[in-house]
Amino acid sequence: MGNAKSSAMSKEILEDLKLNTKFSEDELAQWYENFQKQCPSGRISPNEFKKIYERFFPDSDAAAYAQHVFRSFDTNDDGTLDFKEYIIALHMTSTGKTERKLEWAFSLFDVDKNGYITKSEVAEICQSIFKLIPKEEQGNLPADENTPEKRADKLWSYFNKKDNERLAEGEFIQGVLDNENAIHLIQYEPKKIKNEKRKKQEFEGLRLKLRDEIIS
């Protein structure tokens, strides 16, 4: 799925991305320009991707998680991410529907890419997610979630599977949808981002209130 470097995005890729994401043509053009500046080769290497995640999680060890995320985004298994893979991944993880996000989450946990998840794979990903959580936050976690092993056990329990059984994609998605508490076990969102979202929501609520007062 990789493209050779070019000064402009091909019409084929542009139309494909417009069809498969919610991004506008202007947004895609701007991101493509920035992508070409940051990645002159037209591709992101695993090391470059790791550095991106390290900036997102400056107080944590993001190396293992970044490696797994990169593997899940590298859909053609060529060891790099091209612009199309990068944008589709961005869409799925940020603006996509919940089920699409869970499809991506399944690919994250499916370490060997065989179409199934085992408890050992859940344990491996939970270990990498746990490393994203700063030490001071780890001390405030619930007793049944304060180690990677406990989090893996808790998450696996939602799927009603024995330790030696496998989990298919549909079972994974349904299990997470049926158990609200499972969502935060398959991801980690830094407090700073949570606070920024809260401020944005509060501002939006105030803006709508002011609009309604002006209209009335």
Protein backbone atom coordinates (compact mmCIF):
# COMPACT_ATOMS: atom_id res chain seq x y z
CA MET A 1 0.00 0.00 0.00
CA GLY A 2 3.07 2.25 0.01
CA ASN A 3 3.61 5.06 -2.47
CA ALA A 4 6.83 6.46 -3.83
CA LYS A 5 7.58 10.00 -2.82
CA SER A 6 5.75 12.60 -4.89
CA SER A 7 5.13 16.32 -4.63
CA ALA A 8 1.35 15.90 -4.71
CA MET A 9 -1.04 13.28 -3.50
CA SER A 10 -2.32 11.03 -6.27
CA LYS A 11 -5.97 11.43 -7.23
CA GLU A 12 -6.53 7.74 -6.54
CA ILE A 13 -5.32 7.98 -2.94
CA LEU A 14 -7.20 11.24 -2.37
CA GLU A 15 -10.49 9.75 -3.56
CA ASP A 16 -9.90 6.58 -1.54
CA LEU A 17 -9.27 8.55 1.65
CA LYS A 18 -12.28 10.81 1.07
CA LEU A 19 -14.40 7.70 0.67
CA ASN A 20 -13.04 5.85 3.72
CA THR A 21 -12.60 8.68 6.22
CA LYS A 22 -14.50 11.76 7.38
CA PHE A 23 -11.67 14.11 6.45
CA SER A 24 -12.20 16.82 3.85
CA GLU A 25 -10.08 17.29 0.74
CA ASP A 26 -8.53 20.43 2.26
CA GLU A 27 -7.64 18.60 5.48
CA LEU A 28 -6.09 15.71 3.57
CA ALA A 29 -4.08 18.08 1.37
CA GLN A 30 -2.73 19.94 4.41
CA TRP A 31 -1.84 16.72 6.23
CA TYR A 32 -0.16 15.37 3.11
CA GLU A 33 1.97 18.51 2.83
CA ASN A 34 2.99 18.25 6.49
CA PHE A 35 3.63 14.52 6.13
CA GLN A 36 5.97 15.13 3.19
CA LYS A 37 7.87 17.75 5.20
CA GLN A 38 8.23 15.53 8.28
CA CYS A 39 8.86 12.34 6.30
CA PRO A 40 10.69 13.22 3.05
CA SER A 41 10.93 9.52 2.17
CA GLY A 42 7.13 9.30 2.13
CA ARG A 43 7.20 6.71 4.90
CA ILE A 44 7.35 6.55 8.70
CA SER A 45 9.81 4.09 10.19
CA PRO A 46 9.17 2.24 13.48
CA ASN A 47 11.77 4.44 15.21
CA GLU A 48 10.18 7.67 13.93
CA PHE A 49 6.78 6.40 15.05
CA LYS A 50 8.15 5.60 18.51
CA LYS A 51 9.44 9.17 18.82
CA ILE A 52 5.95 10.47 18.02
CA TYR A 53 4.49 8.41 20.87
CA GLU A 54 7.25 9.47 23.24
CA ARG A 55 6.13 13.07 22.71
CA PHE A 56 2.54 12.09 23.55
CA PHE A 57 3.65 10.27 26.73
CA PRO A 58 6.72 12.18 28.01
CA ASP A 59 6.35 10.83 31.57
CA SER A 60 5.97 7.19 30.57
CA ASP A 61 7.68 4.31 28.79
CA ALA A 62 5.87 4.31 25.45
CA ALA A 63 8.31 2.17 23.44
CA ALA A 64 6.52 -1.19 23.71
CA TYR A 65 3.06 0.27 23.10
CA ALA A 66 4.29 2.28 20.11
CA GLN A 67 5.75 -0.91 18.63
CA HIS A 68 2.40 -2.69 18.91
CA VAL A 69 0.44 0.26 17.53
CA PHE A 70 2.84 0.53 14.59
CA ARG A 71 2.40 -3.17 13.86
CA SER A 72 -1.40 -2.79 13.87
CA PHE A 73 -1.22 0.21 11.50
CA ASP A 74 1.22 -1.47 9.10
CA THR A 75 -1.50 -3.31 7.21
CA ASN A 76 0.73 -4.50 4.35
CA ASP A 77 3.51 -5.67 6.72
CA ASP A 78 6.31 -3.85 4.90
CA GLY A 79 7.82 -2.40 8.08
CA THR A 80 6.85 1.22 7.30
CA LEU A 81 3.75 3.42 7.29
CA ASP A 82 2.87 5.38 4.18
CA PHE A 83 0.51 8.36 4.11
CA LYS A 84 -2.58 6.28 3.36
CA GLU A 85 -1.96 3.86 6.22
CA TYR A 86 -1.25 6.79 8.54
CA ILE A 87 -4.48 8.68 7.68
CA ILE A 88 -6.73 5.61 7.84
CA ALA A 89 -5.23 4.75 11.22
CA LEU A 90 -5.78 8.33 12.39
CA HIS A 91 -9.40 8.15 11.27
CA MET A 92 -10.10 4.81 12.95
CA THR A 93 -8.56 5.80 16.27
CA SER A 94 -9.84 9.38 16.52
CA THR A 95 -13.00 10.03 14.51
CA GLY A 96 -14.21 6.60 13.51
CA LYS A 97 -17.29 4.89 14.91
CA THR A 98 -16.94 2.89 18.13
CA GLU A 99 -17.10 -0.42 16.30
CA ARG A 100 -14.35 0.65 13.88
CA LYS A 101 -12.20 1.69 16.83
CA LEU A 102 -12.78 -1.71 18.41
CA GLU A 103 -11.83 -3.41 15.15
CA TRP A 104 -8.53 -1.56 15.38
CA ALA A 105 -8.21 -2.48 19.08
CA PHE A 106 -8.64 -6.12 18.12
CA SER A 107 -5.79 -5.82 15.60
CA LEU A 108 -3.68 -4.27 18.37
CA PHE A 109 -4.27 -7.24 20.67
CA ASP A 110 -3.88 -9.79 17.86
CA VAL A 111 -0.09 -9.73 18.18
CA ASP A 112 0.64 -12.59 15.78
CA LYS A 113 -2.03 -11.46 13.27
CA ASN A 114 -3.68 -14.88 13.07
CA GLY A 115 -7.24 -13.56 13.49
CA TYR A 116 -7.62 -14.57 17.14
CA ILE A 117 -6.62 -13.22 20.55
CA THR A 118 -5.22 -15.36 23.34
CA LYS A 119 -4.88 -14.51 27.01
CA SER A 120 -1.10 -14.29 26.64
CA GLU A 121 -1.56 -11.64 23.92
CA VAL A 122 -3.94 -9.73 26.20
CA ALA A 123 -1.30 -9.89 28.93
CA GLU A 124 1.38 -8.59 26.54
CA ILE A 125 -0.68 -5.59 25.43
CA CYS A 126 -1.87 -4.84 28.97
CA GLN A 127 1.81 -4.78 30.01
CA SER A 128 2.61 -2.18 27.32
CA ILE A 129 -0.47 -0.09 28.18
CA PHE A 130 0.43 -0.17 31.88
CA LYS A 131 3.84 1.30 31.07
CA LEU A 132 2.04 4.35 29.65
CA ILE A 133 0.55 5.14 33.07
CA PRO A 134 2.83 7.44 35.13
CA LYS A 135 4.02 5.99 38.45
CA GLU A 136 2.03 8.49 40.50
CA GLU A 137 -1.19 7.44 38.74
CA GLN A 138 -0.45 3.73 39.12
CA GLY A 139 -0.63 4.15 42.91
CA ASN A 140 -4.22 5.41 42.65
CA LEU A 141 -5.55 2.55 40.53
CA PRO A 142 -8.22 0.16 41.91
CA ALA A 143 -6.84 -2.92 43.66
CA ASP A 144 -7.96 -5.21 40.82
CA GLU A 145 -6.24 -3.03 38.18
CA ASN A 146 -2.99 -1.91 39.80
CA THR A 147 -0.71 -4.37 38.00
CA PRO A 148 -0.57 -5.44 34.33
CA GLU A 149 -1.42 -9.01 35.34
CA LYS A 150 -4.54 -7.96 37.25
CA ARG A 151 -5.70 -5.77 34.37
CA ALA A 152 -5.21 -8.64 31.92
CA ASP A 153 -7.15 -11.03 34.17
CA LYS A 154 -9.96 -8.53 34.60
CA LEU A 155 -10.22 -7.81 30.88
CA TRP A 156 -10.12 -11.49 29.93
CA SER A 157 -12.91 -12.26 32.43
CA TYR A 158 -15.31 -10.10 30.42
CA PHE A 159 -15.13 -12.50 27.48
CA ASN A 160 -16.15 -15.66 29.41
CA LYS A 161 -13.23 -17.61 27.97
CA LYS A 162 -10.97 -20.16 29.62
CA ASP A 163 -7.30 -19.30 29.85
CA ASN A 164 -6.41 -21.66 26.99
CA GLU A 165 -9.24 -20.58 24.64
CA ARG A 166 -9.08 -18.10 21.77
CA LEU A 167 -11.14 -14.98 21.16
CA ALA A 168 -12.46 -14.05 17.69
CA GLU A 169 -12.91 -10.44 16.56
CA GLY A 170 -16.70 -10.43 16.90
CA GLU A 171 -16.48 -11.87 20.40
CA PHE A 172 -13.92 -9.24 21.38
CA ILE A 173 -16.02 -6.35 20.07
CA GLN A 174 -19.23 -7.62 21.67
CA GLY A 175 -17.47 -8.31 24.97
CA VAL A 176 -16.16 -4.74 25.17
CA LEU A 177 -19.52 -3.26 24.10
CA ASP A 178 -21.31 -5.32 26.77
CA ASN A 179 -18.91 -4.26 29.55
CA GLU A 180 -18.47 -0.52 29.92
CA ASN A 181 -15.52 -0.97 32.26
CA ALA A 182 -13.59 -2.85 29.57
CA ILE A 183 -13.05 0.31 27.49
CA HIS A 184 -10.51 1.90 29.84
CA LEU A 185 -8.62 -1.39 30.16
CA ILE A 186 -7.83 -1.53 26.44
CA GLN A 187 -6.45 2.01 26.28
CA TYR A 188 -4.86 4.79 28.33
CA GLU A 189 -5.60 8.48 28.01
CA PRO A 190 -3.28 10.91 29.84
CA LYS A 191 -4.93 13.15 32.43
CA LYS A 192 -3.76 16.24 30.58
CA ILE A 193 -5.74 15.20 27.50
CA LYS A 194 -8.77 14.37 29.63
CA ASN A 195 -8.63 17.84 31.23
CA GLU A 196 -8.29 19.50 27.83
CA LYS A 197 -11.36 17.61 26.60
CA ARG A 198 -13.29 18.65 29.71
CA LYS A 199 -12.38 22.30 29.22
CA LYS A 200 -13.42 22.10 25.57
CA GLN A 201 -16.77 20.54 26.54
CA GLU A 202 -17.36 23.22 29.20
CA PHE A 203 -16.53 25.96 26.70
CA GLU A 204 -18.88 24.43 24.13
CA GLY A 205 -21.68 24.26 26.70
CA LEU A 206 -21.15 27.93 27.60
CA ARG A 207 -21.11 28.93 23.91
CA LEU A 208 -24.41 27.12 23.26
CA LYS A 209 -25.97 28.71 26.34
CA LEU A 210 -24.96 32.18 25.19
CA ARG A 211 -26.30 31.43 21.69
CA ASP A 212 -29.67 30.35 23.09
CA GLU A 213 -29.92 33.51 25.23
CA ILE A 214 -29.20 35.71 22.20
CA ILE A 215 -31.76 33.88 20.06
CA SER A 216 -34.47 34.15 22.73
